[in-house]
Amino acid sequence: MLEQTNEDLSQLGMDSITFIHIVVALEEAFNIEMPDELLLVTEMNTVEKITNIISSAIINAELIDVQE
């Protein structure tokens, strides 16, 4: 199961339109904003990469809330 999180999603059929839909859905679901520099299919082409980016975005959002 763990090795499946590293499979390239573009090799499994994720195109750029699907990628944008996924990003928007994740941003809305987790109330986060993905960093612009990571909004590339190559930066978010595996479940593991997406999970790491979401985790970081949530932590950063919480840190910003605490500082305000």
N, C-alpha and C. Protein backbone atom coordinates (compact mmCIF):
# COMPACT_ATOMS: atom_id res chain seq x y z
N MET A 1 0.82 -1.20 0.00
CA MET A 1 0.00 0.00 0.00
C MET A 1 0.86 1.26 0.00
N LEU A 2 1.93 1.29 0.78
CA LEU A 2 2.78 2.47 0.86
C LEU A 2 3.38 2.82 -0.49
N GLU A 3 3.77 1.82 -1.25
CA GLU A 3 4.38 2.09 -2.54
C GLU A 3 3.38 2.75 -3.49
N GLN A 4 2.09 2.55 -3.29
CA GLN A 4 1.09 3.19 -4.14
C GLN A 4 1.04 4.70 -3.94
N THR A 5 1.45 5.19 -2.78
CA THR A 5 1.43 6.63 -2.54
C THR A 5 2.51 7.34 -3.34
N ASN A 6 3.45 6.59 -3.89
CA ASN A 6 4.52 7.18 -4.69
C ASN A 6 4.32 6.99 -6.19
N GLU A 7 3.19 6.43 -6.59
CA GLU A 7 2.93 6.26 -8.01
C GLU A 7 2.65 7.61 -8.65
N ASP A 8 3.19 7.82 -9.84
CA ASP A 8 3.01 9.07 -10.57
C ASP A 8 1.56 9.15 -11.07
N LEU A 9 0.81 10.11 -10.54
CA LEU A 9 -0.60 10.22 -10.89
C LEU A 9 -0.80 10.58 -12.36
N SER A 10 0.15 11.27 -12.97
CA SER A 10 0.01 11.58 -14.39
C SER A 10 0.11 10.31 -15.23
N GLN A 11 0.87 9.33 -14.75
CA GLN A 11 0.95 8.04 -15.43
C GLN A 11 -0.35 7.24 -15.27
N LEU A 12 -1.13 7.61 -14.25
CA LEU A 12 -2.40 6.94 -14.01
C LEU A 12 -3.57 7.69 -14.63
N GLY A 13 -3.27 8.76 -15.40
CA GLY A 13 -4.32 9.46 -16.13
C GLY A 13 -4.63 10.86 -15.66
N MET A 14 -3.93 11.40 -14.65
CA MET A 14 -4.20 12.76 -14.20
C MET A 14 -3.63 13.75 -15.21
N ASP A 15 -4.51 14.54 -15.83
CA ASP A 15 -4.05 15.57 -16.74
C ASP A 15 -4.10 16.93 -16.03
N SER A 16 -3.76 17.99 -16.72
CA SER A 16 -3.68 19.31 -16.09
C SER A 16 -5.04 19.80 -15.59
N ILE A 17 -6.10 19.50 -16.31
CA ILE A 17 -7.44 19.91 -15.88
C ILE A 17 -7.84 19.17 -14.60
N THR A 18 -7.61 17.89 -14.57
CA THR A 18 -7.90 17.10 -13.37
C THR A 18 -7.06 17.60 -12.20
N PHE A 19 -5.80 17.93 -12.46
CA PHE A 19 -4.91 18.44 -11.43
C PHE A 19 -5.49 19.71 -10.80
N ILE A 20 -5.94 20.64 -11.62
CA ILE A 20 -6.51 21.89 -11.11
C ILE A 20 -7.76 21.60 -10.28
N HIS A 21 -8.60 20.69 -10.74
CA HIS A 21 -9.79 20.32 -9.97
C HIS A 21 -9.41 19.74 -8.61
N ILE A 22 -8.40 18.92 -8.58
CA ILE A 22 -7.93 18.33 -7.32
C ILE A 22 -7.41 19.41 -6.38
N VAL A 23 -6.59 20.31 -6.91
CA VAL A 23 -6.02 21.38 -6.08
C VAL A 23 -7.14 22.24 -5.48
N VAL A 24 -8.09 22.66 -6.31
CA VAL A 24 -9.19 23.50 -5.82
C VAL A 24 -10.00 22.75 -4.76
N ALA A 25 -10.29 21.49 -5.01
CA ALA A 25 -11.06 20.70 -4.04
C ALA A 25 -10.32 20.56 -2.71
N LEU A 26 -9.02 20.34 -2.77
CA LEU A 26 -8.23 20.20 -1.55
C LEU A 26 -8.14 21.53 -0.80
N GLU A 27 -7.94 22.63 -1.53
CA GLU A 27 -7.88 23.94 -0.87
C GLU A 27 -9.20 24.24 -0.16
N GLU A 28 -10.31 23.92 -0.81
CA GLU A 28 -11.61 24.16 -0.18
C GLU A 28 -11.86 23.21 0.99
N ALA A 29 -11.51 21.95 0.83
CA ALA A 29 -11.76 20.96 1.89
C ALA A 29 -10.96 21.25 3.15
N PHE A 30 -9.71 21.70 2.98
CA PHE A 30 -8.84 21.94 4.13
C PHE A 30 -8.70 23.41 4.49
N ASN A 31 -9.41 24.27 3.76
CA ASN A 31 -9.36 25.72 4.00
C ASN A 31 -7.92 26.23 4.03
N ILE A 32 -7.18 25.88 2.97
CA ILE A 32 -5.78 26.26 2.83
C ILE A 32 -5.56 26.84 1.45
N GLU A 33 -4.39 27.42 1.26
CA GLU A 33 -3.97 27.86 -0.06
C GLU A 33 -2.63 27.21 -0.36
N MET A 34 -2.58 26.51 -1.47
CA MET A 34 -1.34 25.87 -1.88
C MET A 34 -0.36 26.95 -2.33
N PRO A 35 0.90 26.83 -1.96
CA PRO A 35 1.90 27.81 -2.41
C PRO A 35 2.01 27.79 -3.94
N ASP A 36 2.06 28.99 -4.53
CA ASP A 36 2.11 29.11 -5.99
C ASP A 36 3.25 28.31 -6.62
N GLU A 37 4.40 28.30 -5.95
CA GLU A 37 5.56 27.61 -6.52
C GLU A 37 5.38 26.09 -6.57
N LEU A 38 4.37 25.59 -5.88
CA LEU A 38 4.12 24.14 -5.88
C LEU A 38 2.94 23.75 -6.77
N LEU A 39 2.34 24.72 -7.43
CA LEU A 39 1.18 24.44 -8.28
C LEU A 39 1.59 23.95 -9.65
N LEU A 40 2.39 22.93 -9.65
CA LEU A 40 2.85 22.27 -10.87
C LEU A 40 2.58 20.79 -10.73
N VAL A 41 2.16 20.17 -11.83
CA VAL A 41 1.90 18.74 -11.79
C VAL A 41 3.13 17.98 -11.32
N THR A 42 4.30 18.42 -11.73
CA THR A 42 5.53 17.72 -11.33
C THR A 42 5.82 17.84 -9.83
N GLU A 43 5.31 18.87 -9.18
CA GLU A 43 5.52 19.05 -7.74
C GLU A 43 4.48 18.30 -6.92
N MET A 44 3.36 17.95 -7.54
CA MET A 44 2.26 17.31 -6.82
C MET A 44 1.75 16.11 -7.61
N ASN A 45 2.65 15.28 -8.07
CA ASN A 45 2.25 14.18 -8.94
C ASN A 45 2.13 12.83 -8.23
N THR A 46 2.26 12.83 -6.90
CA THR A 46 2.04 11.60 -6.14
C THR A 46 1.18 11.93 -4.92
N VAL A 47 0.52 10.93 -4.40
CA VAL A 47 -0.29 11.12 -3.19
C VAL A 47 0.60 11.56 -2.03
N GLU A 48 1.80 11.00 -1.95
CA GLU A 48 2.72 11.37 -0.87
C GLU A 48 3.09 12.86 -0.94
N LYS A 49 3.42 13.34 -2.13
CA LYS A 49 3.76 14.76 -2.28
C LYS A 49 2.59 15.65 -1.92
N ILE A 50 1.40 15.28 -2.38
CA ILE A 50 0.21 16.08 -2.09
C ILE A 50 -0.05 16.10 -0.58
N THR A 51 0.08 14.96 0.07
CA THR A 51 -0.12 14.87 1.51
C THR A 51 0.87 15.76 2.26
N ASN A 52 2.12 15.73 1.85
CA ASN A 52 3.14 16.56 2.50
C ASN A 52 2.85 18.05 2.32
N ILE A 53 2.41 18.44 1.14
CA ILE A 53 2.11 19.84 0.87
C ILE A 53 0.90 20.29 1.69
N ILE A 54 -0.13 19.45 1.76
CA ILE A 54 -1.30 19.78 2.57
C ILE A 54 -0.92 19.92 4.04
N SER A 55 -0.13 18.99 4.54
CA SER A 55 0.31 19.06 5.94
C SER A 55 1.06 20.35 6.22
N SER A 56 1.96 20.71 5.35
CA SER A 56 2.73 21.95 5.51
C SER A 56 1.83 23.17 5.45
N ALA A 57 0.88 23.17 4.53
CA ALA A 57 -0.03 24.30 4.39
C ALA A 57 -0.90 24.47 5.63
N ILE A 58 -1.35 23.36 6.19
CA ILE A 58 -2.17 23.42 7.41
C ILE A 58 -1.34 23.96 8.57
N ILE A 59 -0.13 23.48 8.71
CA ILE A 59 0.75 23.97 9.78
C ILE A 59 1.03 25.46 9.61
N ASN A 60 1.33 25.88 8.38
CA ASN A 60 1.59 27.31 8.13
C ASN A 60 0.36 28.16 8.41
N ALA A 61 -0.81 27.69 8.04
CA ALA A 61 -2.05 28.43 8.31
C ALA A 61 -2.28 28.55 9.81
N GLU A 62 -2.01 27.49 10.56
CA GLU A 62 -2.17 27.53 12.01
C GLU A 62 -1.17 28.50 12.65
N LEU A 63 0.05 28.53 12.14
CA LEU A 63 1.06 29.45 12.65
C LEU A 63 0.67 30.90 12.40
N ILE A 64 0.11 31.17 11.24
CA ILE A 64 -0.33 32.53 10.91
C ILE A 64 -1.47 32.94 11.83
N ASP A 65 -2.41 32.01 12.09
CA ASP A 65 -3.53 32.31 12.99
C ASP A 65 -3.03 32.61 14.40
N VAL A 66 -2.05 31.88 14.87
CA VAL A 66 -1.50 32.09 16.21
C VAL A 66 -0.82 33.45 16.30
N GLN A 67 -0.12 33.84 15.26
CA GLN A 67 0.61 35.12 15.27
C GLN A 67 -0.31 36.31 15.18
N GLU A 68 -1.49 36.13 14.64
CA GLU A 68 -2.43 37.25 14.52
C GLU A 68 -3.16 37.42 15.80
